[in-house]
Amino acid sequence: MLSAVAGEDKGFRAGFITSRAIGRAVVRNRVRRRLREIVRKHQNEILDGVWIVTIARMSAAKASYAELEAEWLRLAGRASILAA
């Protein structure tokens, strides 16, 4: 799940939520690291002044990096936070 709000900053801000329902700390941290890397990789495409919150679901623990990236890009496109 991805939520985006217009902020007043020049850059963007990103936050990640991984609840205990996803798994133990190792699993939650792995998901968080993967999501951070996806955002870092696409940071030049994200519009300025956007605050992004990504909430990981239980299926994220079993997803590969490529699956997470494809889903994040799909959600970012729906939220209109990527530059055209």
C-alpha atoms as a PDB file:
ATOM      1  CA  MET A   1       0.000   0.000   0.000  1.00  0.00           C
ATOM      2  CA  LEU A   2       1.348   3.437  -0.875  1.00  0.00           C
ATOM      3  CA  SER A   3       0.107   6.826   0.310  1.00  0.00           C
ATOM      4  CA  ALA A   4       1.365  10.161  -0.983  1.00  0.00           C
ATOM      5  CA  VAL A   5       0.755  13.689   0.275  1.00  0.00           C
ATOM      6  CA  ALA A   6       1.964  16.966  -1.170  1.00  0.00           C
ATOM      7  CA  GLY A   7       4.499  18.595   1.127  1.00  0.00           C
ATOM      8  CA  GLU A   8       6.267  21.932   1.085  1.00  0.00           C
ATOM      9  CA  ASP A   9       9.834  20.618   0.833  1.00  0.00           C
ATOM     10  CA  LYS A  10      11.955  20.816  -2.294  1.00  0.00           C
ATOM     11  CA  GLY A  11      12.783  17.110  -2.261  1.00  0.00           C
ATOM     12  CA  PHE A  12      10.656  14.143  -1.326  1.00  0.00           C
ATOM     13  CA  ARG A  13      10.384  12.213   1.916  1.00  0.00           C
ATOM     14  CA  ALA A  14       9.768   8.484   2.189  1.00  0.00           C
ATOM     15  CA  GLY A  15       8.687   6.342   5.119  1.00  0.00           C
ATOM     16  CA  PHE A  16       8.169   2.610   5.417  1.00  0.00           C
ATOM     17  CA  ILE A  17       5.876   0.702   7.765  1.00  0.00           C
ATOM     18  CA  THR A  18       6.437  -2.989   8.405  1.00  0.00           C
ATOM     19  CA  SER A  19       4.248  -4.403  11.139  1.00  0.00           C
ATOM     20  CA  ARG A  20       4.982  -7.472  13.233  1.00  0.00           C
ATOM     21  CA  ALA A  21       2.376  -9.372  11.223  1.00  0.00           C
ATOM     22  CA  ILE A  22       4.919  -9.575   8.381  1.00  0.00           C
ATOM     23  CA  GLY A  23       7.303 -11.665  10.429  1.00  0.00           C
ATOM     24  CA  ARG A  24      10.209 -11.509  12.814  1.00  0.00           C
ATOM     25  CA  ALA A  25      12.642  -8.577  12.896  1.00  0.00           C
ATOM     26  CA  VAL A  26      14.963 -10.093  10.294  1.00  0.00           C
ATOM     27  CA  VAL A  27      12.123 -10.424   7.788  1.00  0.00           C
ATOM     28  CA  ARG A  28      10.742  -6.941   8.506  1.00  0.00           C
ATOM     29  CA  ASN A  29      14.187  -5.375   8.123  1.00  0.00           C
ATOM     30  CA  ARG A  30      14.794  -7.217   4.838  1.00  0.00           C
ATOM     31  CA  VAL A  31      11.515  -5.884   3.424  1.00  0.00           C
ATOM     32  CA  ARG A  32      12.338  -2.375   4.646  1.00  0.00           C
ATOM     33  CA  ARG A  33      15.846  -2.496   3.107  1.00  0.00           C
ATOM     34  CA  ARG A  34      14.433  -3.657  -0.220  1.00  0.00           C
ATOM     35  CA  LEU A  35      11.812  -0.902  -0.251  1.00  0.00           C
ATOM     36  CA  ARG A  36      14.424   1.732   0.621  1.00  0.00           C
ATOM     37  CA  GLU A  37      16.608   0.510  -2.242  1.00  0.00           C
ATOM     38  CA  ILE A  38      13.680   0.655  -4.676  1.00  0.00           C
ATOM     39  CA  VAL A  39      12.938   4.260  -3.706  1.00  0.00           C
ATOM     40  CA  ARG A  40      16.638   5.161  -3.871  1.00  0.00           C
ATOM     41  CA  LYS A  41      16.916   3.599  -7.334  1.00  0.00           C
ATOM     42  CA  HIS A  42      13.944   5.619  -8.626  1.00  0.00           C
ATOM     43  CA  GLN A  43      14.550   8.828  -6.658  1.00  0.00           C
ATOM     44  CA  ASN A  44      15.216  10.854  -9.823  1.00  0.00           C
ATOM     45  CA  GLU A  45      11.761   9.945 -11.138  1.00  0.00           C
ATOM     46  CA  ILE A  46       9.828  10.995  -8.001  1.00  0.00           C
ATOM     47  CA  LEU A  47       8.233  14.427  -8.064  1.00  0.00           C
ATOM     48  CA  ASP A  48       9.535  17.081  -5.659  1.00  0.00           C
ATOM     49  CA  GLY A  49       7.536  18.036  -2.606  1.00  0.00           C
ATOM     50  CA  VAL A  50       5.918  14.632  -2.092  1.00  0.00           C
ATOM     51  CA  TRP A  51       5.765  12.686   1.151  1.00  0.00           C
ATOM     52  CA  ILE A  52       5.470   8.960   0.538  1.00  0.00           C
ATOM     53  CA  VAL A  53       4.463   6.274   3.030  1.00  0.00           C
ATOM     54  CA  THR A  54       4.745   2.657   1.947  1.00  0.00           C
ATOM     55  CA  ILE A  55       2.963   0.097   4.112  1.00  0.00           C
ATOM     56  CA  ALA A  56       4.230  -3.433   3.534  1.00  0.00           C
ATOM     57  CA  ARG A  57       1.717  -6.265   3.560  1.00  0.00           C
ATOM     58  CA  MET A  58       2.348  -9.877   4.557  1.00  0.00           C
ATOM     59  CA  SER A  59       2.900 -10.939   0.952  1.00  0.00           C
ATOM     60  CA  ALA A  60       5.939  -8.602   0.796  1.00  0.00           C
ATOM     61  CA  ALA A  61       7.896 -11.000   3.014  1.00  0.00           C
ATOM     62  CA  LYS A  62       7.714 -13.742   0.375  1.00  0.00           C
ATOM     63  CA  ALA A  63       8.067 -11.497  -2.679  1.00  0.00           C
ATOM     64  CA  SER A  64      11.316 -11.194  -4.592  1.00  0.00           C
ATOM     65  CA  TYR A  65      13.037  -7.858  -5.128  1.00  0.00           C
ATOM     66  CA  ALA A  66      11.777  -7.712  -8.725  1.00  0.00           C
ATOM     67  CA  GLU A  67       8.186  -8.374  -7.611  1.00  0.00           C
ATOM     68  CA  LEU A  68       8.414  -5.677  -4.919  1.00  0.00           C
ATOM     69  CA  GLU A  69       9.855  -3.197  -7.388  1.00  0.00           C
ATOM     70  CA  ALA A  70       7.181  -3.902 -10.005  1.00  0.00           C
ATOM     71  CA  GLU A  71       4.407  -3.509  -7.426  1.00  0.00           C
ATOM     72  CA  TRP A  72       5.902  -0.310  -5.969  1.00  0.00           C
ATOM     73  CA  LEU A  73       6.219   1.211  -9.455  1.00  0.00           C
ATOM     74  CA  ARG A  74       2.609   0.257 -10.222  1.00  0.00           C
ATOM     75  CA  LEU A  75       1.395   1.894  -7.011  1.00  0.00           C
ATOM     76  CA  ALA A  76       3.584   4.967  -7.561  1.00  0.00           C
ATOM     77  CA  GLY A  77       2.134   5.337 -11.036  1.00  0.00           C
ATOM     78  CA  ARG A  78      -1.410   5.131  -9.668  1.00  0.00           C
ATOM     79  CA  ALA A  79      -0.548   7.773  -7.064  1.00  0.00           C
ATOM     80  CA  SER A  80       0.885  10.025  -9.824  1.00  0.00           C
ATOM     81  CA  ILE A  81       4.138  10.650  -7.974  1.00  0.00           C
ATOM     82  CA  LEU A  82       6.480   9.696 -10.833  1.00  0.00           C
ATOM     83  CA  ALA A  83       7.643  12.226 -13.387  1.00  0.00           C
ATOM     84  CA  ALA A  84       6.453  11.452 -16.898  1.00  0.00           C
END
